[in-house]
Amino acid sequence: MTVLTSRIPASQLPLDIYIRVSRVGKRADTLTSPEEQERDARAFAASRGFEIGEVLPADLDESGATNDRPGLQKGLLRVEEGVSGGLIVSYLSRASRDTRHGLDLLDQITKAGGAVYAPNLPDYTTADGRMLTTIQLAIDTGYRERKREEFERAKAGAIARGIPVHSRAPVGYRARPDRRLEPDPRVAPLVREVFEMRARGHGPVALARFLERHRVRTSQGSRTWSKQAVYGLLRSHVYLGELSYGHDRRYVNAAAHEAIVDLALWQAAQHPNGTGRLATSRAAYLLAGIIRCHACGYCLQGTTTSRRKRIYRCTRRHASGICPDPATVDADPVEKAAVEMFWRVTRDLHAQQRPGDDGSISRLEADLVRAQESLDQWMSAKVQQAVGDLPEYAVQLSERRTARDEAAAELGRARAHASRTRLTESAETLRSAWERMVTADRRELLGLRFDALALRRDRTVVVYTAGSAPPGLPRQGFRRDPQLVPFPDPPTSARVLSL
């Protein structure tokens, strides 16, 4: 053991005990636990005749590679204020595991008139002592870096074997005896339904209420779902069967476990078509989030006139520019016409007995296959060698990946609309339930049946049934290149209402 300095603070002030634990958990029961560190520090102080002042708040889950730690900063302040004569630690590595930061810490305390004491800390005020202190800090730094490398290798190995590095299973999954993930029979179908609802345009509040209504807890065990928690679920690649680690996704296993959703549905949930935005709609307006201005494509705002008359109007000024022909309409007649059209469409579909696939889903599936094959071919080593020009290769790779993702999103949205079961009930059953529904529930049904209602300036409304709205309509959120998107000439499947 290195001989400890016998230098005592000139002021004869008591010394504070400093404690640090880099990771709380299983290691808290080892010799690095707060209780063990305090016991060893007191025993060391007693053997040297030091008086103990205060046990500083322990820095838990704090790295020794930085000095920016709450407990340590409080100890420094007490030394600078003349309240404490310095710090006692059970081992030098508890104060620092970085050579440069450790030397800076010792200098700062020394200049403030204090000192740091540890069983393996020499008299660092002498030339030999400073050399030995630097060596000891370098050893501690090397230990920290070696452990970090070992931890990184362990994480990489776990991901490769399909084992999550986090202790809590993601929502919709459960851990098998071998620690790999498998879908939870009760929750996994609900998670898939959340993705389908988002693909149909439902907002985070509606999704949160759905999860809470079915008693699904977050991965942290909370019964309530925030918007951030919902978005976190939707953005997670784990539901594609993938495991990864780190924000940079440096360890990835694309086939770690059974997927709950496929790529098409996952992409559709990332880029919903904007229908059925329940969370941002005002409760008093049945068509909020559904009715749009024909001239610019933006959703109309539900509001009232100076005489308290309910209307829908285009706000004219948008992030994409100024609407060239903003539309306005009284709320009551357009809502009545929309409801009548809803029942007409519902009766027609019920008469068909099943929605059927008109071939569009098959076509979209083929489009996705072609896009994936094009991407796979471009990613092959043979193509990379043939292209040679790395910047050009990267541009083409990005374009093919974007095309694959867009094809997947289109297919996912189409499947989400086709999988609806709520409106397969008979018109009579729906009518009896309609009378008991609140506005939000009725709006949800309309949003499932209609992609959009486009209001023209001449007070005619073009009704786009599910799956028939033109792509690229403005939606909430950040757009890199915002543009006004007026509705084109209506397709043959659209219906026109005159108010």
Protein backbone atom coordinates (compact mmCIF):
# COMPACT_ATOMS: atom_id res chain seq x y z
CA MET A 1 0.00 0.00 0.00
CA THR A 2 1.29 3.45 -0.89
CA VAL A 3 2.11 5.61 2.11
CA LEU A 4 -0.56 8.25 2.76
CA THR A 5 0.36 11.88 3.10
CA SER A 6 0.42 13.09 6.67
CA ARG A 7 -0.45 16.64 5.63
CA ILE A 8 -3.39 17.95 7.66
CA PRO A 9 -5.43 20.99 6.56
CA ALA A 10 -4.06 24.06 8.32
CA SER A 11 -7.53 25.09 9.42
CA GLN A 12 -8.05 21.74 11.21
CA LEU A 13 -11.48 21.49 9.57
CA PRO A 14 -13.34 18.17 9.47
CA LEU A 15 -13.30 16.14 6.25
CA ASP A 16 -16.34 15.07 4.19
CA ILE A 17 -16.87 11.51 2.99
CA TYR A 18 -17.49 11.25 -0.75
CA ILE A 19 -19.21 8.19 -2.29
CA ARG A 20 -19.71 7.26 -5.95
CA VAL A 21 -21.32 4.19 -7.55
CA SER A 22 -21.09 4.05 -11.33
CA ARG A 23 -23.96 1.59 -11.79
CA VAL A 24 -26.77 0.88 -9.36
CA GLY A 25 -28.15 -2.65 -9.38
CA LYS A 26 -26.44 -5.96 -8.76
CA ARG A 27 -23.14 -4.19 -8.19
CA ALA A 28 -24.69 -2.24 -5.29
CA ASP A 29 -24.32 -5.39 -3.21
CA THR A 30 -20.56 -5.61 -3.80
CA LEU A 31 -17.71 -3.76 -2.11
CA THR A 32 -18.46 -0.66 -4.18
CA SER A 33 -21.87 -0.16 -2.56
CA PRO A 34 -22.51 3.14 -0.75
CA GLU A 35 -22.67 1.44 2.65
CA GLU A 36 -19.35 -0.35 2.11
CA GLN A 37 -17.67 2.84 0.87
CA GLU A 38 -18.82 4.85 3.90
CA ARG A 39 -17.70 2.11 6.28
CA ASP A 40 -14.23 1.90 4.69
CA ALA A 41 -13.86 5.68 4.60
CA ARG A 42 -14.74 5.98 8.31
CA ALA A 43 -12.31 3.21 9.20
CA PHE A 44 -9.57 4.93 7.20
CA ALA A 45 -10.32 8.30 8.85
CA ALA A 46 -10.23 6.71 12.32
CA SER A 47 -6.86 5.08 11.61
CA ARG A 48 -5.41 8.49 10.74
CA GLY A 49 -7.19 10.48 13.43
CA PHE A 50 -9.28 12.54 10.97
CA GLU A 51 -12.55 14.13 12.07
CA ILE A 52 -15.56 13.43 9.86
CA GLY A 53 -17.76 16.39 8.95
CA GLU A 54 -20.54 15.35 6.58
CA VAL A 55 -21.31 12.35 4.40
CA LEU A 56 -22.01 13.96 1.04
CA PRO A 57 -25.01 12.81 -1.04
CA ALA A 58 -23.86 9.72 -2.90
CA ASP A 59 -23.39 10.08 -6.66
CA LEU A 60 -25.30 7.04 -7.93
CA ASP A 61 -25.13 5.98 -11.58
CA GLU A 62 -22.40 8.56 -12.14
CA SER A 63 -19.31 7.94 -14.26
CA GLY A 64 -15.85 8.60 -12.86
CA ALA A 65 -14.80 9.98 -16.26
CA THR A 66 -16.19 13.45 -15.44
CA ASN A 67 -16.14 15.83 -12.48
CA ASP A 68 -19.64 17.13 -13.18
CA ARG A 69 -21.35 15.19 -10.40
CA PRO A 70 -23.83 16.66 -7.85
CA GLY A 71 -22.27 15.16 -4.73
CA LEU A 72 -18.74 16.00 -5.80
CA GLN A 73 -19.66 19.56 -6.70
CA LYS A 74 -21.22 20.03 -3.27
CA GLY A 75 -18.01 18.79 -1.64
CA LEU A 76 -15.93 21.21 -3.71
CA LEU A 77 -18.19 24.08 -2.73
CA ARG A 78 -17.87 23.22 0.98
CA VAL A 79 -14.06 23.28 0.65
CA GLU A 80 -14.11 26.60 -1.18
CA GLU A 81 -16.42 28.10 1.46
CA GLY A 82 -14.11 26.98 4.27
CA VAL A 83 -16.67 24.58 5.77
CA SER A 84 -14.71 21.42 4.96
CA GLY A 85 -11.01 20.63 4.92
CA GLY A 86 -11.32 18.20 2.00
CA LEU A 87 -12.64 14.81 0.96
CA ILE A 88 -12.10 11.24 2.10
CA VAL A 89 -12.83 8.40 -0.35
CA SER A 90 -12.61 4.68 0.20
CA TYR A 91 -10.43 4.38 -2.90
CA LEU A 92 -9.01 6.89 -5.38
CA SER A 93 -11.13 5.47 -8.22
CA ARG A 94 -14.25 6.61 -6.33
CA ALA A 95 -13.09 10.21 -6.78
CA SER A 96 -12.06 9.83 -10.41
CA ARG A 97 -11.36 7.25 -13.12
CA ASP A 98 -9.87 9.69 -15.59
CA THR A 99 -6.27 10.87 -15.50
CA ARG A 100 -6.82 14.42 -16.68
CA HIS A 101 -10.02 15.05 -14.71
CA GLY A 102 -8.53 13.41 -11.63
CA LEU A 103 -5.47 15.69 -11.64
CA ASP A 104 -7.70 18.72 -12.24
CA LEU A 105 -9.82 17.71 -9.24
CA LEU A 106 -6.81 17.42 -6.96
CA ASP A 107 -5.46 20.79 -8.13
CA GLN A 108 -8.83 22.49 -7.61
CA ILE A 109 -9.20 21.21 -4.07
CA THR A 110 -5.58 22.02 -3.23
CA LYS A 111 -5.93 25.61 -4.47
CA ALA A 112 -9.06 25.96 -2.31
CA GLY A 113 -7.00 25.01 0.75
CA GLY A 114 -8.24 21.44 1.07
CA ALA A 115 -6.99 17.95 0.32
CA VAL A 116 -8.18 14.55 -0.86
CA TYR A 117 -7.40 11.41 1.17
CA ALA A 118 -7.58 7.75 0.15
CA PRO A 119 -5.71 4.57 1.15
CA ASN A 120 -3.96 4.39 -2.25
CA LEU A 121 -3.36 8.12 -2.68
CA PRO A 122 0.22 9.38 -2.03
CA ASP A 123 1.24 12.90 -1.10
CA TYR A 124 0.47 14.47 -4.45
CA THR A 125 1.96 17.83 -3.38
CA THR A 126 5.48 16.44 -4.00
CA ALA A 127 7.07 15.62 -7.35
CA ASP A 128 7.31 11.89 -6.61
CA GLY A 129 3.83 11.86 -5.14
CA ARG A 130 2.35 13.56 -8.19
CA MET A 131 4.07 11.03 -10.45
CA LEU A 132 2.69 8.12 -8.43
CA THR A 133 -0.76 9.74 -8.36
CA THR A 134 -0.70 10.14 -12.16
CA ILE A 135 0.27 6.47 -12.54
CA GLN A 136 -2.56 5.38 -10.22
CA LEU A 137 -5.11 7.50 -12.10
CA ALA A 138 -3.82 6.09 -15.41
CA ILE A 139 -4.31 2.56 -14.06
CA ASP A 140 -7.87 3.41 -12.99
CA THR A 141 -8.54 4.99 -16.39
CA GLY A 142 -7.28 1.88 -18.17
CA TYR A 143 -9.50 -0.29 -15.98
CA ARG A 144 -12.54 1.83 -16.86
CA GLU A 145 -11.78 1.69 -20.58
CA ARG A 146 -11.18 -2.06 -20.49
CA LYS A 147 -14.48 -2.65 -18.70
CA ARG A 148 -16.26 -0.44 -21.23
CA GLU A 149 -14.81 -2.52 -24.08
CA GLU A 150 -15.88 -5.74 -22.34
CA PHE A 151 -19.37 -4.32 -21.84
CA GLU A 152 -19.58 -3.34 -25.52
CA ARG A 153 -18.57 -6.86 -26.57
CA ALA A 154 -21.16 -8.34 -24.24
CA LYS A 155 -23.89 -6.12 -25.73
CA ALA A 156 -22.86 -7.00 -29.28
CA GLY A 157 -22.93 -10.70 -28.43
CA ALA A 158 -26.34 -10.45 -26.77
CA ILE A 159 -27.86 -8.66 -29.75
CA ALA A 160 -26.38 -11.22 -32.13
CA ARG A 161 -28.02 -14.02 -30.09
CA GLY A 162 -31.36 -12.19 -30.10
CA ILE A 163 -31.23 -11.25 -26.41
CA PRO A 164 -32.29 -7.69 -25.47
CA VAL A 165 -29.79 -5.71 -23.43
CA HIS A 166 -32.60 -3.98 -21.55
CA SER A 167 -34.19 -5.65 -18.55
CA ARG A 168 -37.81 -4.78 -19.45
CA ALA A 169 -39.49 -6.48 -22.39
CA PRO A 170 -41.07 -4.14 -24.97
CA VAL A 171 -44.84 -3.76 -24.90
CA GLY A 172 -46.40 -6.70 -26.73
CA TYR A 173 -43.51 -9.07 -26.02
CA ARG A 174 -42.44 -11.29 -23.14
CA ALA A 175 -39.14 -12.97 -22.34
CA ARG A 176 -38.69 -16.68 -22.95
CA PRO A 177 -36.61 -18.84 -20.59
CA ASP A 178 -33.59 -18.26 -22.86
CA ARG A 179 -34.23 -14.47 -22.52
CA ARG A 180 -35.20 -14.06 -26.17
CA LEU A 181 -38.46 -12.29 -26.98
CA GLU A 182 -41.74 -13.79 -28.09
CA PRO A 183 -45.11 -12.08 -28.74
CA ASP A 184 -47.42 -11.82 -25.75
CA PRO A 185 -50.65 -13.62 -26.77
CA ARG A 186 -52.87 -10.97 -25.15
CA VAL A 187 -51.00 -7.75 -25.89
CA ALA A 188 -49.40 -8.41 -29.29
CA PRO A 189 -52.72 -8.24 -31.22
CA LEU A 190 -53.50 -4.95 -29.48
CA VAL A 191 -50.12 -3.53 -30.49
CA ARG A 192 -50.79 -4.51 -34.08
CA GLU A 193 -54.19 -2.81 -33.87
CA VAL A 194 -52.45 0.36 -32.67
CA PHE A 195 -50.25 0.34 -35.78
CA GLU A 196 -53.32 -0.22 -37.99
CA MET A 197 -55.19 2.62 -36.29
CA ARG A 198 -52.24 4.93 -36.79
CA ALA A 199 -52.02 3.92 -40.46
CA ARG A 200 -55.67 4.92 -40.79
CA GLY A 201 -54.82 8.34 -39.37
CA HIS A 202 -55.65 8.14 -35.67
CA GLY A 203 -53.80 10.53 -33.41
CA PRO A 204 -51.70 9.70 -30.32
CA VAL A 205 -54.47 10.58 -27.86
CA ALA A 206 -56.88 8.11 -29.48
CA LEU A 207 -54.19 5.43 -29.47
CA ALA A 208 -53.37 6.12 -25.82
CA ARG A 209 -57.02 5.77 -24.85
CA PHE A 210 -57.25 2.52 -26.79
CA LEU A 211 -54.27 1.06 -24.92
CA GLU A 212 -55.53 2.28 -21.56
CA ARG A 213 -59.01 0.92 -22.25
CA HIS A 214 -57.49 -2.52 -22.88
CA ARG A 215 -55.30 -2.24 -19.76
CA VAL A 216 -52.01 -2.32 -21.62
CA ARG A 217 -49.15 -0.92 -19.56
CA THR A 218 -46.10 0.89 -20.87
CA SER A 219 -42.71 -0.81 -20.79
CA GLN A 220 -42.08 1.11 -17.55
CA GLY A 221 -45.22 -0.35 -15.98
CA SER A 222 -47.39 2.78 -16.13
CA ARG A 223 -51.15 2.43 -16.63
CA THR A 224 -51.35 5.76 -18.48
CA TRP A 225 -49.91 6.46 -21.92
CA SER A 226 -48.44 9.83 -22.84
CA LYS A 227 -48.06 11.04 -26.42
CA GLN A 228 -44.31 10.46 -26.14
CA ALA A 229 -44.88 6.86 -25.05
CA VAL A 230 -47.23 6.22 -27.98
CA TYR A 231 -44.80 7.72 -30.47
CA GLY A 232 -41.98 5.69 -28.92
CA LEU A 233 -43.96 2.49 -29.47
CA LEU A 234 -44.75 3.38 -33.09
CA ARG A 235 -41.14 4.28 -33.92
CA SER A 236 -39.60 1.16 -32.41
CA HIS A 237 -38.04 -1.32 -34.85
CA VAL A 238 -38.48 -4.10 -32.32
CA TYR A 239 -41.96 -4.79 -33.72
CA LEU A 240 -40.36 -5.67 -37.06
CA GLY A 241 -38.51 -8.49 -35.31
CA GLU A 242 -35.36 -6.39 -34.94
CA LEU A 243 -33.09 -5.81 -31.97
CA SER A 244 -30.62 -2.94 -31.86
CA TYR A 245 -28.60 -1.00 -29.36
CA GLY A 246 -27.62 2.66 -29.13
CA HIS A 247 -28.92 5.77 -30.83
CA ASP A 248 -26.44 5.08 -33.63
CA ARG A 249 -27.83 1.51 -33.94
CA ARG A 250 -24.28 0.15 -33.90
CA TYR A 251 -25.46 -3.37 -33.07
CA VAL A 252 -28.41 -4.64 -35.11
CA ASN A 253 -30.03 -8.06 -35.46
CA ALA A 254 -32.78 -7.77 -38.07
CA ALA A 255 -34.22 -11.24 -37.36
CA ALA A 256 -33.93 -11.52 -33.60
CA HIS A 257 -37.50 -12.63 -32.85
CA GLU A 258 -40.97 -12.97 -34.34
CA ALA A 259 -42.32 -9.71 -35.75
CA ILE A 260 -45.69 -8.29 -34.67
CA VAL A 261 -46.06 -6.05 -37.74
CA ASP A 262 -44.58 -6.25 -41.21
CA LEU A 263 -42.58 -3.52 -42.93
CA ALA A 264 -45.60 -2.29 -44.88
CA LEU A 265 -47.71 -1.62 -41.80
CA TRP A 266 -44.77 -0.18 -39.85
CA GLN A 267 -44.00 2.30 -42.63
CA ALA A 268 -47.67 3.23 -42.95
CA ALA A 269 -47.78 4.03 -39.24
CA GLN A 270 -44.78 6.34 -39.62
CA HIS A 271 -46.51 8.28 -42.40
CA PRO A 272 -50.28 8.14 -41.85
CA ASN A 273 -52.46 9.64 -44.56
CA GLY A 274 -53.89 12.29 -42.21
CA THR A 275 -57.45 10.98 -41.85
CA GLY A 276 -59.17 10.61 -38.51
CA ARG A 277 -56.92 12.98 -36.53
CA LEU A 278 -59.02 12.78 -33.42
CA ALA A 279 -56.51 14.22 -30.98
CA THR A 280 -56.35 17.65 -32.59
CA SER A 281 -60.02 17.99 -33.47
CA ARG A 282 -62.44 20.16 -31.57
CA ALA A 283 -65.18 18.12 -29.93
CA ALA A 284 -68.03 20.24 -31.31
CA TYR A 285 -67.13 19.68 -34.99
CA LEU A 286 -68.05 16.36 -36.51
CA LEU A 287 -65.89 16.76 -39.64
CA ALA A 288 -62.77 18.20 -38.02
CA GLY A 289 -59.73 16.55 -39.60
CA ILE A 290 -61.86 15.13 -42.44
CA ILE A 291 -63.20 18.08 -44.44
CA ARG A 292 -60.58 19.93 -46.49
CA CYS A 293 -60.30 22.92 -48.76
CA HIS A 294 -60.41 21.82 -52.41
CA ALA A 295 -58.08 24.63 -53.50
CA CYS A 296 -55.16 23.98 -51.12
CA GLY A 297 -55.74 20.53 -49.60
CA TYR A 298 -55.54 21.71 -45.97
CA CYS A 299 -58.10 20.69 -43.35
CA LEU A 300 -60.76 23.28 -42.67
CA GLN A 301 -60.92 24.90 -39.26
CA GLY A 302 -64.06 24.45 -37.21
CA THR A 303 -64.95 27.77 -35.66
CA THR A 304 -67.82 30.22 -35.10
CA THR A 305 -68.79 33.56 -36.59
CA SER A 306 -69.31 36.73 -34.59
CA ARG A 307 -72.94 35.62 -34.21
CA ARG A 308 -71.86 32.26 -32.79
CA LYS A 309 -72.75 30.34 -35.92
CA ARG A 310 -70.75 27.17 -36.45
CA ILE A 311 -68.75 27.08 -39.69
CA TYR A 312 -65.85 25.33 -41.36
CA ARG A 313 -63.36 27.63 -43.06
CA CYS A 314 -59.99 27.58 -44.74
CA THR A 315 -57.58 29.73 -42.74
CA ARG A 316 -56.03 30.86 -46.08
CA ARG A 317 -52.49 31.27 -44.75
CA HIS A 318 -50.58 28.02 -44.30
CA ALA A 319 -46.97 26.95 -43.84
CA SER A 320 -46.96 26.00 -47.53
CA GLY A 321 -48.28 29.36 -48.76
CA ILE A 322 -51.52 31.25 -49.27
CA CYS A 323 -54.61 29.39 -50.49
CA PRO A 324 -55.72 30.80 -53.86
CA ASP A 325 -59.43 30.14 -53.32
CA PRO A 326 -60.29 29.54 -49.64
CA ALA A 327 -63.62 27.83 -48.97
CA THR A 328 -66.12 28.39 -46.15
CA VAL A 329 -69.35 26.57 -45.34
CA ASP A 330 -71.98 26.42 -42.61
CA ALA A 331 -71.33 23.45 -40.36
CA ASP A 332 -74.87 22.08 -40.01
CA PRO A 333 -75.74 21.42 -43.68
CA VAL A 334 -72.36 19.93 -44.58
CA GLU A 335 -72.38 17.67 -41.51
CA LYS A 336 -75.89 16.52 -42.34
CA ALA A 337 -74.90 15.77 -45.94
CA ALA A 338 -71.80 13.88 -44.80
CA VAL A 339 -73.83 11.70 -42.43
CA GLU A 340 -76.36 10.92 -45.18
CA MET A 341 -73.51 9.94 -47.50
CA PHE A 342 -72.02 7.78 -44.73
CA TRP A 343 -75.22 5.74 -44.47
CA ARG A 344 -75.51 5.47 -48.23
CA VAL A 345 -71.97 4.12 -48.57
CA THR A 346 -72.45 1.81 -45.59
CA ARG A 347 -75.61 0.31 -47.11
CA ASP A 348 -73.82 -0.26 -50.43
CA LEU A 349 -70.90 -2.03 -48.76
CA HIS A 350 -73.19 -4.10 -46.55
CA ALA A 351 -75.09 -5.23 -49.64
CA GLN A 352 -71.83 -6.52 -51.10
CA GLN A 353 -71.40 -8.70 -47.96
CA ARG A 354 -67.64 -8.18 -48.02
CA PRO A 355 -65.37 -5.31 -49.00
CA GLY A 356 -63.30 -7.48 -51.34
CA ASP A 357 -59.94 -6.74 -52.86
CA ASP A 358 -60.22 -4.87 -56.15
CA GLY A 359 -56.68 -5.82 -56.98
CA SER A 360 -55.10 -2.73 -55.50
CA ILE A 361 -53.55 -4.61 -52.57
CA SER A 362 -52.14 -7.25 -54.89
CA ARG A 363 -50.70 -4.51 -57.07
CA LEU A 364 -49.15 -2.76 -54.07
CA GLU A 365 -47.67 -6.06 -52.85
CA ALA A 366 -46.06 -6.53 -56.26
CA ASP A 367 -44.75 -2.96 -56.17
CA LEU A 368 -43.15 -3.61 -52.78
CA VAL A 369 -41.54 -6.83 -54.00
CA ARG A 370 -40.06 -5.03 -57.00
CA ALA A 371 -38.79 -2.16 -54.84
CA GLN A 372 -37.21 -4.57 -52.34
CA GLU A 373 -35.57 -6.57 -55.14
CA SER A 374 -34.16 -3.37 -56.64
CA LEU A 375 -32.75 -2.36 -53.26
CA ASP A 376 -31.27 -5.80 -52.58
CA GLN A 377 -29.65 -5.87 -56.01
CA TRP A 378 -28.11 -2.42 -55.53
CA MET A 379 -26.73 -3.45 -52.12
CA SER A 380 -24.91 -6.47 -53.54
CA ALA A 381 -21.11 -6.47 -53.54
CA LYS A 382 -21.05 -6.95 -57.32
CA VAL A 383 -22.97 -3.71 -57.93
CA GLN A 384 -20.85 -1.79 -55.42
CA GLN A 385 -17.68 -2.86 -57.24
CA ALA A 386 -19.16 -2.07 -60.65
CA VAL A 387 -20.31 1.45 -59.71
CA GLY A 388 -17.03 2.50 -58.12
CA ASP A 389 -18.13 6.10 -57.55
CA LEU A 390 -19.02 6.09 -53.83
CA PRO A 391 -21.06 9.37 -53.78
CA GLU A 392 -23.13 8.28 -56.78
CA TYR A 393 -23.65 4.85 -55.25
CA ALA A 394 -24.83 6.42 -51.97
CA VAL A 395 -27.35 8.65 -53.80
CA GLN A 396 -28.80 5.72 -55.75
CA LEU A 397 -28.92 3.60 -52.60
CA SER A 398 -30.85 6.31 -50.75
CA GLU A 399 -33.32 6.66 -53.64
CA ARG A 400 -33.97 2.93 -53.77
CA ARG A 401 -34.40 2.71 -50.01
CA THR A 402 -36.85 5.62 -50.08
CA ALA A 403 -38.81 3.98 -52.91
CA ARG A 404 -38.97 0.72 -50.91
CA ASP A 405 -40.19 2.55 -47.79
CA GLU A 406 -42.83 4.48 -49.74
CA ALA A 407 -44.08 1.28 -51.39
CA ALA A 408 -44.25 -0.39 -47.98
CA ALA A 409 -46.17 2.56 -46.52
CA GLU A 410 -48.73 2.52 -49.35
CA LEU A 411 -49.28 -1.21 -48.90
CA GLY A 412 -49.57 -0.84 -45.13
CA ARG A 413 -52.19 1.88 -45.38
CA ALA A 414 -54.20 -0.15 -47.88
CA ARG A 415 -54.13 -3.21 -45.64
CA ALA A 416 -55.05 -1.14 -42.59
CA HIS A 417 -58.13 0.20 -44.34
CA ALA A 418 -59.06 -3.23 -45.71
CA SER A 419 -58.76 -4.87 -42.28
CA ARG A 420 -61.40 -2.72 -40.65
CA THR A 421 -64.04 -4.82 -38.95
CA ARG A 422 -66.00 -2.18 -37.08
CA LEU A 423 -68.03 -1.19 -40.14
CA THR A 424 -68.90 -4.69 -41.27
CA GLU A 425 -71.87 -4.64 -38.96
CA SER A 426 -75.28 -4.20 -40.49
CA ALA A 427 -76.56 -0.68 -41.12
CA GLU A 428 -79.35 -1.29 -38.62
CA THR A 429 -76.94 -2.17 -35.83
CA LEU A 430 -74.81 0.86 -36.59
CA ARG A 431 -77.85 3.15 -36.63
CA SER A 432 -78.93 2.02 -33.18
CA ALA A 433 -75.42 2.57 -31.85
CA TRP A 434 -75.06 5.93 -33.63
CA GLU A 435 -77.68 7.57 -31.45
CA ARG A 436 -75.69 6.73 -28.30
CA MET A 437 -72.34 7.90 -29.64
CA VAL A 438 -70.60 11.13 -28.75
CA THR A 439 -69.21 13.37 -31.50
CA ALA A 440 -65.71 11.91 -31.25
CA ASP A 441 -66.98 8.36 -31.84
CA ARG A 442 -69.10 9.45 -34.77
CA ARG A 443 -66.13 11.33 -36.22
CA GLU A 444 -64.07 8.17 -35.93
CA LEU A 445 -66.61 6.20 -37.95
CA LEU A 446 -66.73 8.89 -40.63
CA GLY A 447 -62.94 8.94 -40.74
CA LEU A 448 -62.87 5.20 -41.32
CA ARG A 449 -65.33 5.46 -44.20
CA PHE A 450 -64.05 8.67 -45.82
CA ASP A 451 -60.49 9.67 -46.64
CA ALA A 452 -61.52 13.27 -47.17
CA LEU A 453 -64.35 15.63 -48.03
CA ALA A 454 -63.08 18.34 -50.38
CA LEU A 455 -65.10 21.58 -50.19
CA ARG A 456 -65.16 23.76 -53.28
CA ARG A 457 -65.87 27.49 -53.32
CA ASP A 458 -69.22 26.83 -55.10
CA ARG A 459 -70.38 24.86 -52.00
CA THR A 460 -70.08 21.45 -53.63
CA VAL A 461 -68.29 18.70 -51.76
CA VAL A 462 -66.24 15.92 -53.36
CA VAL A 463 -66.44 12.79 -51.20
CA TYR A 464 -63.37 10.55 -51.30
CA THR A 465 -64.21 7.16 -49.83
CA ALA A 466 -61.58 5.07 -48.05
CA GLY A 467 -58.54 4.46 -50.22
CA SER A 468 -59.45 6.96 -52.96
CA ALA A 469 -57.91 10.23 -51.72
CA PRO A 470 -55.00 11.60 -53.76
CA PRO A 471 -51.54 11.16 -52.19
CA GLY A 472 -49.48 13.97 -50.69
CA LEU A 473 -52.24 15.86 -48.89
CA PRO A 474 -50.92 18.32 -46.28
CA ARG A 475 -50.75 16.94 -42.77
CA GLN A 476 -49.57 18.09 -39.38
CA GLY A 477 -45.89 17.93 -38.56
CA PHE A 478 -42.59 18.97 -40.11
CA ARG A 479 -42.29 18.96 -43.90
CA ARG A 480 -38.95 19.53 -45.53
CA ASP A 481 -40.44 21.11 -48.67
CA PRO A 482 -44.02 22.24 -47.90
CA GLN A 483 -46.27 22.92 -50.88
CA LEU A 484 -49.93 23.61 -51.45
CA VAL A 485 -51.61 20.48 -52.83
CA PRO A 486 -54.96 21.29 -54.46
CA PHE A 487 -57.28 18.39 -55.17
CA PRO A 488 -57.10 17.13 -58.77
CA ASP A 489 -60.13 16.27 -60.84
CA PRO A 490 -62.11 13.70 -58.82
CA PRO A 491 -61.80 10.04 -59.79
CA THR A 492 -64.80 8.06 -60.94
CA SER A 493 -65.11 6.51 -57.47
CA ALA A 494 -65.59 9.92 -55.83
CA ARG A 495 -69.06 11.34 -55.22
CA VAL A 496 -70.10 14.97 -55.43
CA LEU A 497 -72.61 16.58 -53.07
CA SER A 498 -74.34 19.90 -53.66
CA LEU A 499 -75.26 21.79 -50.49
